[in-house]
Amino acid sequence: MKIVFTTTGNDLKSQIDDRFGRSEKFLMLDEDSGDIKVIENNTESMEHGAGLQAVKKIIDLGADVVITGNGAGQKVLDVLKMSDIKFYIGANGMSLKEAYEKFKQNRLKSQF
């Protein structure tokens, strides 16, 4: 399973970025191989459409799950609902490692 976290850092000790569309970076953990990949988001300067650009990156990465702090907007959720990607929120203030543990314990909220 490929899990994408919104983050401000480059490893599992980093903090969750509460934002989805304007998240500084995404960190993808491939549970099967243990590989970690960090992807710059580069949507900070966009006035509109940051969430849709971010979800396109997530889809292109082949993610199965997204974990973030706050929820995504309706347009992003509409796109996610057409994919098989699950979207979890409520990881505010956690490290990626903590958020991953909460996810494994089924203690994060699914946004849809």
N, C-alpha and C. Protein backbone atom coordinates (compact mmCIF):
# COMPACT_ATOMS: atom_id res chain seq x y z
N MET A 1 0.84 -1.17 0.00
CA MET A 1 0.00 0.00 0.00
C MET A 1 0.89 1.24 0.00
N LYS A 2 0.51 2.23 -0.79
CA LYS A 2 1.24 3.50 -0.86
C LYS A 2 0.43 4.56 -0.11
N ILE A 3 1.06 5.11 0.93
CA ILE A 3 0.41 6.11 1.78
C ILE A 3 1.11 7.44 1.59
N VAL A 4 0.33 8.48 1.29
CA VAL A 4 0.87 9.82 1.11
C VAL A 4 0.45 10.69 2.29
N PHE A 5 1.43 11.35 2.89
CA PHE A 5 1.20 12.28 4.00
C PHE A 5 1.45 13.70 3.51
N THR A 6 0.66 14.65 3.99
CA THR A 6 1.00 16.05 3.78
C THR A 6 2.03 16.41 4.85
N THR A 7 3.10 17.10 4.47
CA THR A 7 4.17 17.34 5.43
C THR A 7 4.95 18.61 5.11
N THR A 8 5.74 19.00 6.09
CA THR A 8 6.67 20.11 5.91
C THR A 8 8.11 19.61 5.88
N GLY A 9 8.31 18.31 6.08
CA GLY A 9 9.65 17.77 6.17
C GLY A 9 9.94 16.63 5.22
N ASN A 10 11.02 15.93 5.51
CA ASN A 10 11.54 14.93 4.58
C ASN A 10 11.60 13.51 5.13
N ASP A 11 11.07 13.27 6.34
CA ASP A 11 11.11 11.93 6.90
C ASP A 11 9.91 11.72 7.82
N LEU A 12 9.79 10.52 8.38
CA LEU A 12 8.63 10.18 9.21
C LEU A 12 8.62 10.90 10.55
N LYS A 13 9.73 11.54 10.92
CA LYS A 13 9.77 12.35 12.14
C LYS A 13 9.18 13.74 11.92
N SER A 14 8.97 14.11 10.67
CA SER A 14 8.44 15.44 10.31
C SER A 14 6.99 15.57 10.75
N GLN A 15 6.53 16.81 10.78
CA GLN A 15 5.16 17.10 11.17
C GLN A 15 4.21 17.04 9.98
N ILE A 16 2.98 16.63 10.26
CA ILE A 16 1.91 16.71 9.26
C ILE A 16 1.70 18.17 8.92
N ASP A 17 1.54 18.48 7.66
CA ASP A 17 1.09 19.81 7.23
C ASP A 17 -0.43 19.71 7.23
N ASP A 18 -1.08 20.55 8.02
CA ASP A 18 -2.54 20.47 8.17
C ASP A 18 -3.29 20.69 6.87
N ARG A 19 -2.65 21.35 5.93
CA ARG A 19 -3.30 21.69 4.65
C ARG A 19 -3.10 20.56 3.65
N PHE A 20 -4.05 20.39 2.75
CA PHE A 20 -3.87 19.43 1.67
C PHE A 20 -3.39 20.14 0.42
N GLY A 21 -4.22 20.96 -0.18
CA GLY A 21 -3.89 21.58 -1.46
C GLY A 21 -2.65 22.45 -1.43
N ARG A 22 -2.43 23.11 -0.32
CA ARG A 22 -1.28 24.00 -0.20
C ARG A 22 -0.19 23.43 0.71
N SER A 23 -0.25 22.14 0.93
CA SER A 23 0.79 21.47 1.71
C SER A 23 2.15 21.76 1.08
N GLU A 24 3.14 21.94 1.93
CA GLU A 24 4.48 22.23 1.43
C GLU A 24 5.03 21.06 0.61
N LYS A 25 4.84 19.86 1.13
CA LYS A 25 5.37 18.66 0.48
C LYS A 25 4.42 17.49 0.71
N PHE A 26 4.66 16.43 -0.04
CA PHE A 26 4.02 15.15 0.20
C PHE A 26 5.13 14.14 0.44
N LEU A 27 4.91 13.25 1.39
CA LEU A 27 5.83 12.16 1.61
C LEU A 27 5.05 10.88 1.35
N MET A 28 5.58 10.04 0.46
CA MET A 28 4.92 8.79 0.14
C MET A 28 5.71 7.64 0.75
N LEU A 29 5.01 6.84 1.54
CA LEU A 29 5.57 5.63 2.14
C LEU A 29 5.00 4.43 1.41
N ASP A 30 5.87 3.63 0.83
CA ASP A 30 5.46 2.38 0.19
C ASP A 30 5.62 1.29 1.25
N GLU A 31 4.50 0.83 1.79
CA GLU A 31 4.55 -0.16 2.86
C GLU A 31 5.21 -1.47 2.42
N ASP A 32 5.04 -1.84 1.18
CA ASP A 32 5.59 -3.11 0.70
C ASP A 32 7.11 -3.10 0.65
N SER A 33 7.68 -2.01 0.15
CA SER A 33 9.14 -1.95 0.00
C SER A 33 9.83 -1.16 1.12
N GLY A 34 9.05 -0.33 1.85
CA GLY A 34 9.65 0.53 2.87
C GLY A 34 10.24 1.80 2.30
N ASP A 35 10.16 1.98 0.98
CA ASP A 35 10.71 3.17 0.33
C ASP A 35 9.92 4.42 0.72
N ILE A 36 10.65 5.52 0.82
CA ILE A 36 10.05 6.82 1.10
C ILE A 36 10.45 7.76 -0.03
N LYS A 37 9.46 8.51 -0.50
CA LYS A 37 9.70 9.48 -1.58
C LYS A 37 9.08 10.81 -1.15
N VAL A 38 9.83 11.89 -1.29
CA VAL A 38 9.35 13.22 -0.94
C VAL A 38 9.11 14.00 -2.23
N ILE A 39 7.92 14.61 -2.31
CA ILE A 39 7.52 15.34 -3.51
C ILE A 39 7.16 16.77 -3.11
N GLU A 40 7.82 17.74 -3.74
CA GLU A 40 7.47 19.15 -3.52
C GLU A 40 6.09 19.41 -4.11
N ASN A 41 5.29 20.20 -3.42
CA ASN A 41 3.93 20.47 -3.91
C ASN A 41 3.89 21.69 -4.83
N ASN A 42 4.59 22.75 -4.49
CA ASN A 42 4.71 23.95 -5.35
C ASN A 42 3.37 24.58 -5.74
N THR A 43 2.42 24.63 -4.81
CA THR A 43 1.14 25.29 -5.11
C THR A 43 0.92 26.53 -4.25
N GLU A 44 1.90 26.89 -3.42
CA GLU A 44 1.76 28.02 -2.51
C GLU A 44 1.35 29.32 -3.21
N SER A 45 1.88 29.57 -4.38
CA SER A 45 1.63 30.85 -5.05
C SER A 45 0.36 30.84 -5.91
N MET A 46 -0.29 29.70 -6.03
CA MET A 46 -1.50 29.62 -6.85
C MET A 46 -2.67 30.30 -6.15
N GLU A 47 -3.42 31.10 -6.90
CA GLU A 47 -4.61 31.73 -6.31
C GLU A 47 -5.76 30.74 -6.24
N HIS A 48 -5.92 29.92 -7.28
CA HIS A 48 -7.02 28.96 -7.35
C HIS A 48 -6.52 27.63 -7.89
N GLY A 49 -7.21 26.57 -7.53
CA GLY A 49 -6.91 25.26 -8.11
C GLY A 49 -5.80 24.48 -7.45
N ALA A 50 -5.31 24.95 -6.28
CA ALA A 50 -4.20 24.24 -5.62
C ALA A 50 -4.61 22.83 -5.24
N GLY A 51 -5.81 22.66 -4.74
CA GLY A 51 -6.27 21.34 -4.33
C GLY A 51 -6.35 20.38 -5.50
N LEU A 52 -6.85 20.85 -6.63
CA LEU A 52 -6.96 19.99 -7.80
C LEU A 52 -5.59 19.61 -8.36
N GLN A 53 -4.64 20.55 -8.31
CA GLN A 53 -3.27 20.24 -8.75
C GLN A 53 -2.64 19.22 -7.80
N ALA A 54 -2.89 19.39 -6.51
CA ALA A 54 -2.34 18.45 -5.53
C ALA A 54 -2.92 17.06 -5.71
N VAL A 55 -4.22 16.95 -5.93
CA VAL A 55 -4.84 15.63 -6.08
C VAL A 55 -4.35 14.95 -7.36
N LYS A 56 -4.05 15.73 -8.38
CA LYS A 56 -3.49 15.15 -9.61
C LYS A 56 -2.14 14.50 -9.31
N LYS A 57 -1.31 15.18 -8.50
CA LYS A 57 -0.02 14.61 -8.12
C LYS A 57 -0.21 13.30 -7.35
N ILE A 58 -1.17 13.29 -6.45
CA ILE A 58 -1.44 12.11 -5.63
C ILE A 58 -1.87 10.93 -6.52
N ILE A 59 -2.73 11.21 -7.47
CA ILE A 59 -3.18 10.16 -8.39
C ILE A 59 -2.01 9.66 -9.23
N ASP A 60 -1.19 10.59 -9.74
CA ASP A 60 -0.04 10.21 -10.56
C ASP A 60 0.97 9.35 -9.79
N LEU A 61 1.04 9.54 -8.47
CA LEU A 61 1.94 8.76 -7.64
C LEU A 61 1.44 7.34 -7.41
N GLY A 62 0.18 7.11 -7.72
CA GLY A 62 -0.40 5.78 -7.50
C GLY A 62 -0.73 5.52 -6.05
N ALA A 63 -1.06 6.58 -5.31
CA ALA A 63 -1.36 6.46 -3.88
C ALA A 63 -2.65 5.67 -3.64
N ASP A 64 -2.65 4.97 -2.51
CA ASP A 64 -3.85 4.27 -2.06
C ASP A 64 -4.56 5.04 -0.95
N VAL A 65 -3.76 5.79 -0.17
CA VAL A 65 -4.26 6.49 1.00
C VAL A 65 -3.59 7.85 1.10
N VAL A 66 -4.35 8.86 1.54
CA VAL A 66 -3.79 10.18 1.88
C VAL A 66 -4.12 10.44 3.34
N ILE A 67 -3.12 10.93 4.08
CA ILE A 67 -3.31 11.31 5.49
C ILE A 67 -2.89 12.76 5.64
N THR A 68 -3.80 13.56 6.20
CA THR A 68 -3.56 14.99 6.36
C THR A 68 -4.20 15.49 7.65
N GLY A 69 -4.09 16.78 7.88
CA GLY A 69 -4.70 17.37 9.07
C GLY A 69 -6.14 17.75 8.82
N ASN A 70 -6.33 18.77 8.03
CA ASN A 70 -7.67 19.26 7.72
C ASN A 70 -8.18 18.62 6.44
N GLY A 71 -9.45 18.73 6.21
CA GLY A 71 -10.05 18.12 5.03
C GLY A 71 -9.79 18.87 3.75
N ALA A 72 -10.14 18.24 2.66
CA ALA A 72 -10.03 18.82 1.33
C ALA A 72 -11.37 19.43 0.94
N GLY A 73 -11.33 20.28 -0.07
CA GLY A 73 -12.54 20.90 -0.58
C GLY A 73 -13.38 19.92 -1.40
N GLN A 74 -14.58 20.34 -1.71
CA GLN A 74 -15.54 19.46 -2.39
C GLN A 74 -15.05 19.01 -3.77
N LYS A 75 -14.41 19.89 -4.53
CA LYS A 75 -13.93 19.51 -5.86
C LYS A 75 -12.88 18.40 -5.77
N VAL A 76 -12.00 18.51 -4.78
CA VAL A 76 -10.98 17.48 -4.58
C VAL A 76 -11.65 16.17 -4.16
N LEU A 77 -12.61 16.26 -3.26
CA LEU A 77 -13.31 15.05 -2.81
C LEU A 77 -14.05 14.38 -3.96
N ASP A 78 -14.62 15.17 -4.84
CA ASP A 78 -15.31 14.60 -6.00
C ASP A 78 -14.34 13.79 -6.87
N VAL A 79 -13.13 14.32 -7.06
CA VAL A 79 -12.12 13.61 -7.85
C VAL A 79 -11.68 12.34 -7.11
N LEU A 80 -11.44 12.46 -5.81
CA LEU A 80 -11.00 11.30 -5.03
C LEU A 80 -12.04 10.19 -5.02
N LYS A 81 -13.31 10.58 -4.97
CA LYS A 81 -14.38 9.58 -4.95
C LYS A 81 -14.42 8.76 -6.23
N MET A 82 -13.92 9.32 -7.33
CA MET A 82 -13.88 8.60 -8.60
C MET A 82 -12.66 7.67 -8.66
N SER A 83 -11.74 7.83 -7.72
CA SER A 83 -10.57 6.96 -7.67
C SER A 83 -10.76 5.97 -6.51
N ASP A 84 -9.78 5.16 -6.28
CA ASP A 84 -9.82 4.24 -5.15
C ASP A 84 -9.02 4.76 -3.97
N ILE A 85 -8.66 6.03 -3.99
CA ILE A 85 -7.83 6.62 -2.95
C ILE A 85 -8.69 6.96 -1.73
N LYS A 86 -8.26 6.51 -0.56
CA LYS A 86 -8.94 6.82 0.70
C LYS A 86 -8.28 8.05 1.30
N PHE A 87 -9.10 8.94 1.90
CA PHE A 87 -8.63 10.23 2.39
C PHE A 87 -8.93 10.34 3.88
N TYR A 88 -7.88 10.43 4.70
CA TYR A 88 -8.03 10.48 6.15
C TYR A 88 -7.57 11.82 6.69
N ILE A 89 -8.34 12.34 7.65
CA ILE A 89 -8.05 13.63 8.26
C ILE A 89 -7.91 13.46 9.78
N GLY A 90 -7.52 14.55 10.43
CA GLY A 90 -7.44 14.55 11.88
C GLY A 90 -6.05 14.29 12.42
N ALA A 91 -5.04 14.37 11.58
CA ALA A 91 -3.67 14.13 12.03
C ALA A 91 -2.97 15.43 12.44
N ASN A 92 -3.74 16.45 12.73
CA ASN A 92 -3.20 17.75 13.12
C ASN A 92 -2.24 17.60 14.30
N GLY A 93 -1.10 18.27 14.22
CA GLY A 93 -0.16 18.30 15.32
C GLY A 93 0.65 17.03 15.52
N MET A 94 0.50 16.07 14.66
CA MET A 94 1.22 14.80 14.79
C MET A 94 2.44 14.74 13.88
N SER A 95 3.38 13.91 14.26
CA SER A 95 4.45 13.57 13.33
C SER A 95 3.86 12.57 12.33
N LEU A 96 4.54 12.37 11.22
CA LEU A 96 4.06 11.39 10.25
C LEU A 96 4.03 9.99 10.87
N LYS A 97 5.02 9.69 11.69
CA LYS A 97 5.06 8.38 12.35
C LYS A 97 3.84 8.20 13.26
N GLU A 98 3.50 9.23 14.03
CA GLU A 98 2.32 9.16 14.91
C GLU A 98 1.04 9.00 14.08
N ALA A 99 0.94 9.76 13.00
CA ALA A 99 -0.24 9.69 12.13
C ALA A 99 -0.35 8.30 11.50
N TYR A 100 0.78 7.73 11.12
CA TYR A 100 0.79 6.39 10.54
C TYR A 100 0.29 5.37 11.57
N GLU A 101 0.75 5.49 12.81
CA GLU A 101 0.30 4.58 13.87
C GLU A 101 -1.20 4.72 14.11
N LYS A 102 -1.70 5.96 14.14
CA LYS A 102 -3.14 6.19 14.32
C LYS A 102 -3.93 5.59 13.16
N PHE A 103 -3.41 5.73 11.95
CA PHE A 103 -4.06 5.15 10.78
C PHE A 103 -4.14 3.63 10.93
N LYS A 104 -3.04 3.00 11.31
CA LYS A 104 -3.01 1.54 11.46
C LYS A 104 -3.96 1.06 12.56
N GLN A 105 -4.21 1.93 13.55
CA GLN A 105 -5.13 1.60 14.64
C GLN A 105 -6.57 2.00 14.30
N ASN A 106 -6.78 2.47 13.06
CA ASN A 106 -8.10 2.93 12.61
C ASN A 106 -8.64 4.06 13.47
N ARG A 107 -7.75 5.00 13.85
CA ARG A 107 -8.12 6.10 14.73
C ARG A 107 -8.09 7.46 14.04
N LEU A 108 -8.03 7.47 12.70
CA LEU A 108 -8.18 8.70 11.94
C LEU A 108 -9.53 8.68 11.25
N LYS A 109 -10.06 9.85 11.03
CA LYS A 109 -11.39 9.97 10.42
C LYS A 109 -11.28 9.98 8.90
N SER A 110 -12.12 9.19 8.25
CA SER A 110 -12.20 9.21 6.79
C SER A 110 -13.08 10.40 6.41
N GLN A 111 -12.63 11.21 5.44
CA GLN A 111 -13.43 12.38 5.06
C GLN A 111 -14.63 11.99 4.21
N PHE A 112 -14.58 10.86 3.54
CA PHE A 112 -15.77 10.42 2.78
C PHE A 112 -15.88 8.92 2.84
